[in-house]
Amino acid sequence: MKIGIIKEGKVPSDKRVPLSPNQCKQINAEYSDVEIVVQSSDIRCFTDKQYESVGIKVVDDIDDCDVILGVKEVPKNMLINNKTFFFFSHTIKKQPYNADLLRKVLEKNIHLVDYECLTNTKGRRLIGFGRYAGVVGAYNGFLTYGERFNQFKLKPAYQCDDRKEMESELDRLPKLNIKVLLTGTGRVSKGAREILDYLKYKEVSPNDFMNKSFDYPVYSNPDIEDLYELKTGGFSTKQDYYNNPEKFYCKLNTYLSQTDMLITGHVWSPKYPKILSNEDLRNPSNKMKVIADITCDIDDPIACTIRPCIIGEPYFEYDFIQEKEVATASQNTVSVMSVDNLPCELPKDASEDFGNEYIQHILPALTQGDKDEIIKRASITKNGKLTDLFAYLTDYVS
C-alpha cells in the first residue's frame, strides 16, 4: 500500500498535517508493506526538508498512491479518480457549501472516508483535533481575560513555536482568584482542563463552586445532571436527556453569579436546549465578563456568540443590552472568544496528537483488515455511490 499526504489546497491555507515526519518514519519502520510519500508543500508546519531528513520521499505528484490523507476538504481540482481519500469533508450535515465537492467525489469514483465518522463499536470518535481546540481555546480565554481587564498580556498561541512556548507564557500569569466554569466532558473539555490543571487551578464540585468562597483560583466542570433539569422539575437520567432533550431546559444561568470566566466544551445540536440567553446575561446577578466559546455554534445556543473570530483577532465585545457587537468593553458587555479553527494556532502539536491517534486506531484497520468496521462506518462514498449509512445524503447531492 502506498499512502500519500496531499498538499492542503483549501483557502485560507491550513498548516496542519495528518502525520508528522517522525510519524511517517515510524510507519515505514513498523509496516514493511506500507510506503508513505509526501506531496511538496510550502505551507505546512513541517517543511519538505524535515520529511526528507528522516527518509520520507517528497514528490510533486501523488497519482500513484492508493490512499491519500489530507486534513481539510480537498479542492475539487485536486481529487484523483479511483483513490481512497481521508479528510474532513464537512458534508454529513448537508453543509450546502460542500454539495458540489461530494458530487465530484462520486463522479470520480472515490472512496471517501471522513475522519469525523471514524468511531469504535460503541460510537465514540477515535480521531480528531478536539483536544487541541480545548487547549488553545482555554489559553485564549485567559488571553482575553487579561486584555479585558488590562491586567496582563499573553503572546498569542499562533505566534508561539509550540505548546511548550505557549505554556511558558502561562508561567508569567499573575495570581487570579477567579472562578472558571467549564462545560462538556469530551475531547474539547479535556483539552481545556489541561490548561486549567497546568495553571494549578483546583477543581471543585458544582455545589462548592456555587456556595463557597476561595482564596485561590478554582474551576468546576458540571455534568449533565448539574446543568439540565426537566421542565417538570428534577432530573431523570442521562439517557432520557439524550433521547428526549426537548423535555429539559438548561440552568447554566444559575451559575453566572459565581462565574468569572466560562469555557465551553460541550457538544450541541439544534435538538438540545438553548444554553445562555440575552436575558440571562442581563440578569443583575451575572458577574461573567469573559466567555471562551470553543464550541462556536453561531447565534444559537449561546446568544452572545454572534460570529466566529479570526485567529489574529480572537475576541469581540458583545453588548447584551443592545444585543449587538460594540467597539469597547463596558459593564454591559461580555468579551467573547469565538475562534472556530483553534487547533491551527498550534499546528505542530495538534498534528502530532492527531497522527498518534491515526497510527493507534485507524492504520491497523486500513492495513490489516477492518474487522471492527471502523473504516466501513466512516465511508461516505464507495464504488461511485453513497454507502448505505450515508444514503440520507441522496437528496443533498441530487
Protein backbone atom coordinates (compact mmCIF):
# COMPACT_ATOMS: atom_id res chain seq x y z
CA MET A 1 0.00 0.00 0.00
CA LYS A 2 1.29 3.43 -0.95
CA ILE A 3 0.00 6.31 1.17
CA GLY A 4 0.36 9.93 0.07
CA ILE A 5 -0.02 13.03 2.20
CA ILE A 6 -1.60 15.65 -0.02
CA LYS A 7 -0.72 19.33 -0.01
CA GLU A 8 -3.53 21.25 1.69
CA GLY A 9 -5.29 23.18 -1.03
CA LYS A 10 -8.18 24.84 0.75
CA VAL A 11 -8.09 28.64 1.06
CA PRO A 12 -7.37 30.08 3.57
CA SER A 13 -4.46 27.68 3.96
CA ASP A 14 -4.12 25.24 6.85
CA LYS A 15 -0.67 24.35 8.19
CA ARG A 16 -1.73 21.10 9.87
CA VAL A 17 -0.80 17.65 8.61
CA PRO A 18 -2.26 14.19 9.26
CA LEU A 19 1.20 12.74 10.05
CA SER A 20 4.42 14.39 11.19
CA PRO A 21 7.83 13.47 9.72
CA ASN A 22 8.70 11.22 12.66
CA GLN A 23 5.31 9.51 12.49
CA CYS A 24 5.84 8.77 8.79
CA LYS A 25 9.25 7.34 9.66
CA GLN A 26 7.66 5.21 12.39
CA ILE A 27 5.08 3.79 9.96
CA ASN A 28 7.70 2.96 7.36
CA ALA A 29 9.71 1.16 10.03
CA GLU A 30 6.81 -0.80 11.55
CA TYR A 31 4.84 -1.62 8.38
CA SER A 32 7.10 -3.28 5.82
CA ASP A 33 4.33 -3.36 3.22
CA VAL A 34 3.47 0.35 3.52
CA GLU A 35 5.26 3.25 1.84
CA ILE A 36 4.48 6.87 2.68
CA VAL A 37 5.27 9.80 0.42
CA VAL A 38 4.53 13.49 0.90
CA GLN A 39 3.42 15.94 -1.74
CA SER A 40 5.64 19.00 -1.75
CA SER A 41 4.16 21.97 0.10
CA ASP A 42 5.35 25.40 1.19
CA ILE A 43 2.58 25.94 3.76
CA ARG A 44 2.92 23.00 6.17
CA CYS A 45 4.06 23.42 9.76
CA PHE A 46 6.66 20.75 8.92
CA THR A 47 8.82 21.58 5.91
CA ASP A 48 9.67 19.33 2.97
CA LYS A 49 13.23 19.20 4.29
CA GLN A 50 12.04 17.90 7.66
CA TYR A 51 10.30 14.98 5.93
CA GLU A 52 13.30 14.31 3.72
CA SER A 53 15.66 14.39 6.70
CA VAL A 54 14.00 11.26 8.14
CA GLY A 55 13.94 9.41 4.84
CA ILE A 56 10.46 10.30 3.57
CA LYS A 57 10.17 10.96 -0.18
CA VAL A 58 8.81 14.36 -1.12
CA VAL A 59 7.11 14.27 -4.53
CA ASP A 60 5.20 16.61 -6.79
CA ASP A 61 2.70 14.01 -7.95
CA ILE A 62 0.74 11.53 -5.77
CA ASP A 63 -1.31 9.98 -8.58
CA ASP A 64 0.30 6.57 -7.98
CA CYS A 65 -0.76 6.40 -4.33
CA ASP A 66 -3.50 4.01 -3.19
CA VAL A 67 -4.58 6.08 -0.19
CA ILE A 68 -4.40 9.85 0.17
CA LEU A 69 -4.51 11.63 3.51
CA GLY A 70 -5.44 15.28 3.95
CA VAL A 71 -6.86 17.43 6.73
CA LYS A 72 -9.38 19.94 5.35
CA GLU A 73 -11.64 19.48 2.33
CA VAL A 74 -9.66 18.61 -0.79
CA PRO A 75 -10.45 21.08 -3.60
CA LYS A 76 -12.35 19.51 -6.48
CA ASN A 77 -9.50 20.06 -8.92
CA MET A 78 -7.12 18.10 -6.65
CA LEU A 79 -9.28 14.99 -6.39
CA ILE A 80 -7.88 11.91 -8.16
CA ASN A 81 -10.03 9.24 -9.79
CA ASN A 82 -10.46 5.83 -8.16
CA LYS A 83 -8.50 6.57 -4.96
CA THR A 84 -9.25 6.27 -1.25
CA PHE A 85 -9.24 9.69 0.41
CA PHE A 86 -9.28 10.52 4.12
CA PHE A 87 -10.20 14.09 5.09
CA PHE A 88 -12.77 16.15 6.98
CA SER A 89 -15.38 16.52 4.25
CA HIS A 90 -17.94 18.60 6.17
CA THR A 91 -20.77 17.03 4.20
CA ILE A 92 -22.52 14.72 6.66
CA LYS A 93 -24.72 17.53 8.00
CA LYS A 94 -25.64 18.50 4.41
CA GLN A 95 -23.47 21.61 4.55
CA PRO A 96 -24.60 23.48 1.41
CA TYR A 97 -21.14 24.81 0.55
CA ASN A 98 -19.76 21.27 0.05
CA ALA A 99 -22.52 19.65 -2.00
CA ASP A 100 -20.51 20.20 -5.19
CA LEU A 101 -17.48 18.56 -3.57
CA LEU A 102 -19.44 15.42 -2.73
CA ARG A 103 -20.86 15.29 -6.25
CA LYS A 104 -17.33 15.42 -7.65
CA VAL A 105 -16.20 12.67 -5.25
CA LEU A 106 -18.96 10.43 -6.60
CA GLU A 107 -18.19 11.35 -10.19
CA LYS A 108 -14.54 10.39 -9.72
CA ASN A 109 -15.37 7.04 -8.10
CA ILE A 110 -13.53 7.99 -4.90
CA HIS A 111 -13.75 6.00 -1.68
CA LEU A 112 -14.21 8.86 0.79
CA VAL A 113 -13.51 8.20 4.47
CA ASP A 114 -14.42 11.06 6.78
CA TYR A 115 -12.31 11.42 9.92
CA GLU A 116 -15.33 12.76 11.79
CA CYS A 117 -17.09 9.43 11.35
CA LEU A 118 -14.27 7.12 12.49
CA THR A 119 -15.69 5.56 15.65
CA ASN A 120 -15.30 2.46 17.77
CA THR A 121 -18.03 -0.15 18.16
CA LYS A 122 -19.64 1.95 20.92
CA GLY A 123 -19.87 5.01 18.70
CA ARG A 124 -17.10 7.04 20.30
CA ARG A 125 -14.91 9.04 17.95
CA LEU A 126 -11.40 7.71 17.52
CA ILE A 127 -9.65 10.69 15.98
CA GLY A 128 -9.93 14.46 15.85
CA PHE A 129 -8.44 17.82 16.70
CA GLY A 130 -10.82 18.50 19.59
CA ARG A 131 -8.19 18.15 22.29
CA TYR A 132 -6.13 21.00 20.86
CA ALA A 133 -9.22 23.09 20.24
CA GLY A 134 -9.70 22.83 24.02
CA VAL A 135 -6.06 23.55 24.82
CA VAL A 136 -5.83 26.65 22.64
CA GLY A 137 -9.37 27.79 23.43
CA ALA A 138 -8.71 27.82 27.17
CA TYR A 139 -5.42 29.65 26.62
CA ASN A 140 -7.25 32.23 24.51
CA GLY A 141 -9.76 32.60 27.31
CA PHE A 142 -7.00 33.79 29.62
CA LEU A 143 -5.53 35.98 26.88
CA THR A 144 -8.97 37.60 26.54
CA TYR A 145 -9.37 37.95 30.31
CA GLY A 146 -6.01 39.72 30.65
CA GLU A 147 -6.81 42.20 27.90
CA ARG A 148 -10.40 42.74 29.01
CA PHE A 149 -9.29 43.86 32.48
CA ASN A 150 -5.95 45.30 31.36
CA GLN A 151 -4.15 43.05 33.85
CA PHE A 152 -1.65 41.23 31.62
CA LYS A 153 -0.85 40.34 28.01
CA LEU A 154 -0.15 36.88 26.65
CA LYS A 155 1.66 36.15 23.41
CA PRO A 156 -0.96 34.74 21.01
CA ALA A 157 -0.72 30.98 20.68
CA TYR A 158 -0.23 31.19 16.91
CA GLN A 159 2.93 33.24 17.48
CA CYS A 160 4.37 30.51 19.73
CA ASP A 161 6.51 27.84 18.08
CA ASP A 162 4.84 25.06 20.04
CA ARG A 163 2.87 24.21 23.15
CA LYS A 164 5.95 24.40 25.35
CA GLU A 165 6.46 28.04 24.44
CA MET A 166 2.76 28.74 24.94
CA GLU A 167 2.89 27.24 28.42
CA SER A 168 5.93 29.39 29.23
CA GLU A 169 3.63 32.36 28.61
CA LEU A 170 1.19 30.99 31.19
CA ASP A 171 4.02 30.83 33.71
CA ARG A 172 4.02 34.63 33.71
CA LEU A 173 0.39 34.99 34.76
CA PRO A 174 -0.32 36.87 37.97
CA LYS A 175 -2.38 35.13 40.61
CA LEU A 176 -6.05 35.36 39.70
CA ASN A 177 -8.53 34.41 42.39
CA ILE A 178 -11.27 33.68 39.93
CA LYS A 179 -13.88 31.01 39.32
CA VAL A 180 -13.95 29.30 35.93
CA LEU A 181 -16.92 27.24 34.73
CA LEU A 182 -16.16 24.56 32.14
CA THR A 183 -18.84 22.72 30.17
CA GLY A 184 -18.57 19.37 28.40
CA THR A 185 -16.92 16.02 29.09
CA GLY A 186 -15.34 15.11 25.75
CA ARG A 187 -12.11 15.84 23.91
CA VAL A 188 -12.53 19.62 23.87
CA SER A 189 -13.31 19.81 27.57
CA LYS A 190 -10.39 17.54 28.45
CA GLY A 191 -8.06 19.74 26.42
CA ALA A 192 -9.26 22.83 28.27
CA ARG A 193 -8.75 21.00 31.57
CA GLU A 194 -5.08 20.52 30.67
CA ILE A 195 -4.61 24.30 30.71
CA LEU A 196 -6.53 24.77 33.96
CA ASP A 197 -4.54 21.97 35.57
CA TYR A 198 -1.27 23.42 34.23
CA LEU A 199 -2.19 26.68 35.96
CA LYS A 200 -2.87 24.67 39.14
CA TYR A 201 -6.49 25.74 39.33
CA LYS A 202 -8.24 23.47 41.79
CA GLU A 203 -11.30 21.59 40.62
CA VAL A 204 -14.30 21.89 42.95
CA SER A 205 -17.78 20.40 42.89
CA PRO A 206 -20.63 22.42 41.35
CA ASN A 207 -22.13 22.78 44.84
CA ASP A 208 -18.91 24.20 46.31
CA PHE A 209 -18.47 26.41 43.25
CA MET A 210 -21.85 27.96 43.93
CA ASN A 211 -21.77 28.16 47.70
CA LYS A 212 -18.18 28.64 48.85
CA SER A 213 -15.59 31.38 48.60
CA PHE A 214 -11.94 30.59 47.93
CA ASP A 215 -8.69 32.50 48.28
CA TYR A 216 -7.24 30.67 45.29
CA PRO A 217 -8.43 30.08 41.71
CA VAL A 218 -10.88 27.23 41.10
CA TYR A 219 -12.86 25.66 38.31
CA SER A 220 -15.86 23.39 38.12
CA ASN A 221 -16.94 21.05 35.33
CA PRO A 222 -20.63 20.27 35.97
CA ASP A 223 -22.07 17.12 34.43
CA ILE A 224 -25.36 16.91 32.52
CA GLU A 225 -27.43 16.42 35.65
CA ASP A 226 -25.87 19.59 37.13
CA LEU A 227 -26.65 21.72 34.06
CA TYR A 228 -30.03 20.45 32.88
CA GLU A 229 -33.40 19.93 34.51
CA LEU A 230 -36.73 18.54 33.42
CA LYS A 231 -39.27 21.23 32.63
CA THR A 232 -41.50 19.45 35.12
CA GLY A 233 -38.75 19.58 37.76
CA GLY A 234 -35.83 17.40 38.85
CA PHE A 235 -33.65 15.19 36.65
CA SER A 236 -34.40 11.73 35.33
CA THR A 237 -31.44 10.03 33.61
CA LYS A 238 -28.70 10.97 31.16
CA GLN A 239 -30.19 8.58 28.63
CA ASP A 240 -33.55 10.32 28.92
CA TYR A 241 -31.79 13.63 28.24
CA TYR A 242 -30.05 12.23 25.15
CA ASN A 243 -33.23 10.61 23.87
CA ASN A 244 -35.69 13.38 24.75
CA PRO A 245 -33.78 16.68 25.06
CA GLU A 246 -36.94 18.70 24.39
CA LYS A 247 -38.16 17.72 27.89
CA PHE A 248 -35.26 19.62 29.53
CA TYR A 249 -34.03 23.17 29.96
CA CYS A 250 -30.53 24.42 30.70
CA LYS A 251 -29.85 26.04 34.06
CA LEU A 252 -26.34 27.33 33.36
CA ASN A 253 -27.68 30.81 34.15
CA THR A 254 -27.84 29.85 37.82
CA TYR A 255 -24.03 29.60 37.84
CA LEU A 256 -23.39 33.09 36.45
CA SER A 257 -23.45 34.82 39.82
CA GLN A 258 -20.31 32.88 40.72
CA THR A 259 -18.60 32.66 37.32
CA ASP A 260 -15.81 34.97 36.21
CA MET A 261 -14.98 33.06 33.03
CA LEU A 262 -16.99 30.48 31.08
CA ILE A 263 -15.17 27.96 28.86
CA THR A 264 -17.40 25.85 26.65
CA GLY A 265 -16.50 22.32 25.61
CA HIS A 266 -19.93 20.76 25.21
CA VAL A 267 -21.44 19.16 22.12
CA TRP A 268 -24.62 20.86 20.91
CA SER A 269 -27.16 20.47 18.13
CA PRO A 270 -30.49 22.21 17.49
CA LYS A 271 -32.42 19.43 19.24
CA TYR A 272 -30.79 20.35 22.58
CA PRO A 273 -31.92 23.18 24.88
CA LYS A 274 -30.55 26.69 24.47
CA ILE A 275 -27.72 27.35 26.90
CA LEU A 276 -27.36 31.08 27.51
CA SER A 277 -29.79 33.83 26.53
CA ASN A 278 -29.56 37.61 26.44
CA GLU A 279 -31.99 37.64 29.35
CA ASP A 280 -29.54 35.50 31.33
CA LEU A 281 -26.71 37.91 30.52
CA ARG A 282 -28.81 40.92 31.54
CA ASN A 283 -29.62 39.47 34.96
CA PRO A 284 -28.06 41.79 37.60
CA SER A 285 -26.58 38.76 39.39
CA ASN A 286 -24.47 37.83 36.32
CA LYS A 287 -20.79 38.54 37.00
CA MET A 288 -19.36 36.70 33.97
CA LYS A 289 -17.45 39.04 31.67
CA VAL A 290 -15.40 36.59 29.60
CA ILE A 291 -16.51 33.56 27.63
CA ALA A 292 -14.16 31.32 25.68
CA ASP A 293 -16.76 29.73 23.40
CA ILE A 294 -14.69 26.92 21.93
CA THR A 295 -17.79 25.20 20.56
CA CYS A 296 -18.55 28.34 18.50
CA ASP A 297 -22.10 27.48 17.44
CA ILE A 298 -23.07 30.77 15.88
CA ASP A 299 -26.09 32.72 17.12
CA ASP A 300 -27.99 29.81 18.58
CA PRO A 301 -27.24 28.05 21.90
CA ILE A 302 -25.23 30.96 23.33
CA ALA A 303 -26.77 34.31 22.46
CA CYS A 304 -23.58 36.36 22.58
CA THR A 305 -21.71 34.18 20.07
CA ILE A 306 -22.92 36.06 17.01
CA ARG A 307 -19.91 35.43 14.75
CA PRO A 308 -16.66 33.48 14.52
CA CYS A 309 -13.41 35.34 15.13
CA ILE A 310 -10.19 35.12 13.16
CA ILE A 311 -7.02 33.90 14.82
CA GLY A 312 -5.38 37.34 14.76
CA GLU A 313 -8.39 38.97 16.46
CA PRO A 314 -9.70 36.22 18.74
CA TYR A 315 -12.48 38.03 20.60
CA PHE A 316 -15.05 40.80 20.38
CA GLU A 317 -17.23 42.77 22.79
CA TYR A 318 -20.93 41.92 22.87
CA ASP A 319 -23.39 44.36 24.43
CA PHE A 320 -26.22 42.28 25.89
CA ILE A 321 -28.46 45.31 26.39
CA GLN A 322 -28.27 46.41 22.75
CA GLU A 323 -27.79 42.77 21.66
CA LYS A 324 -25.00 43.60 19.24
CA GLU A 325 -21.24 43.80 18.88
CA VAL A 326 -19.66 47.04 20.11
CA ALA A 327 -16.19 48.53 19.91
CA THR A 328 -15.26 48.78 23.58
CA ALA A 329 -15.83 46.87 26.80
CA SER A 330 -18.27 48.19 29.38
CA GLN A 331 -20.38 46.98 32.27
CA ASN A 332 -22.96 45.86 29.73
CA THR A 333 -20.62 43.75 27.61
CA VAL A 334 -19.14 40.29 27.67
CA SER A 335 -15.85 39.54 25.88
CA VAL A 336 -16.49 36.63 23.51
CA MET A 337 -13.61 34.47 22.26
CA SER A 338 -15.05 32.53 19.30
CA VAL A 339 -12.23 31.38 17.02
CA ASP A 340 -13.55 28.42 15.00
CA ASN A 341 -10.21 26.92 13.87
CA LEU A 342 -8.32 26.88 17.16
CA PRO A 343 -6.05 23.84 16.53
CA CYS A 344 -4.46 25.79 13.65
CA GLU A 345 -2.80 28.03 16.23
CA LEU A 346 -0.56 25.17 17.41
CA PRO A 347 -0.33 23.17 14.17
CA LYS A 348 2.72 21.08 15.09
CA ASP A 349 1.35 19.85 18.41
CA ALA A 350 -2.17 19.39 17.06
CA SER A 351 -0.87 17.43 14.07
CA GLU A 352 1.27 15.12 16.19
CA ASP A 353 -1.65 14.43 18.53
CA PHE A 354 -3.89 13.67 15.53
CA GLY A 355 -1.21 11.47 13.94
CA ASN A 356 -0.79 9.44 17.11
CA GLU A 357 -4.50 8.63 17.08
CA TYR A 358 -4.37 7.72 13.39
CA ILE A 359 -1.48 5.32 13.94
CA GLN A 360 -3.08 3.75 17.02
CA HIS A 361 -6.69 3.41 15.88
CA ILE A 362 -7.01 3.76 12.11
CA LEU A 363 -3.87 2.48 10.41
CA PRO A 364 -4.29 -1.12 11.65
CA ALA A 365 -7.83 -1.20 10.25
CA LEU A 366 -6.58 0.19 6.94
CA THR A 367 -3.62 -2.17 6.51
CA GLN A 368 -4.57 -5.34 8.41
CA GLY A 369 -8.28 -5.76 7.81
CA ASP A 370 -11.21 -3.71 9.04
CA LYS A 371 -12.60 -6.38 11.40
CA ASP A 372 -14.41 -3.84 13.61
CA GLU A 373 -15.71 -1.97 10.53
CA ILE A 374 -14.09 1.27 11.67
CA ILE A 375 -13.40 2.39 8.12
CA LYS A 376 -16.63 0.96 6.76
CA ARG A 377 -18.70 3.06 9.18
CA ALA A 378 -16.81 6.20 8.12
CA SER A 379 -17.03 5.56 4.36
CA ILE A 380 -19.38 8.13 2.84
CA THR A 381 -18.88 7.00 -0.75
CA LYS A 382 -17.57 3.86 -2.41
CA ASN A 383 -17.77 2.45 -5.94
CA GLY A 384 -19.31 5.64 -7.23
CA LYS A 385 -22.24 5.57 -4.80
CA LEU A 386 -23.21 6.75 -1.35
CA THR A 387 -22.84 3.92 1.14
CA ASP A 388 -25.91 2.62 2.96
CA LEU A 389 -25.07 4.53 6.14
CA PHE A 390 -24.97 7.80 4.22
CA ALA A 391 -27.82 7.18 1.80
CA TYR A 392 -29.68 10.01 3.58
CA LEU A 393 -27.41 12.39 1.63
CA THR A 394 -29.04 11.38 -1.66
CA ASP A 395 -31.22 14.49 -1.90
CA TYR A 396 -28.23 16.62 -0.87
CA VAL A 397 -26.18 15.54 -3.90
CA SER A 398 -29.08 15.29 -6.36
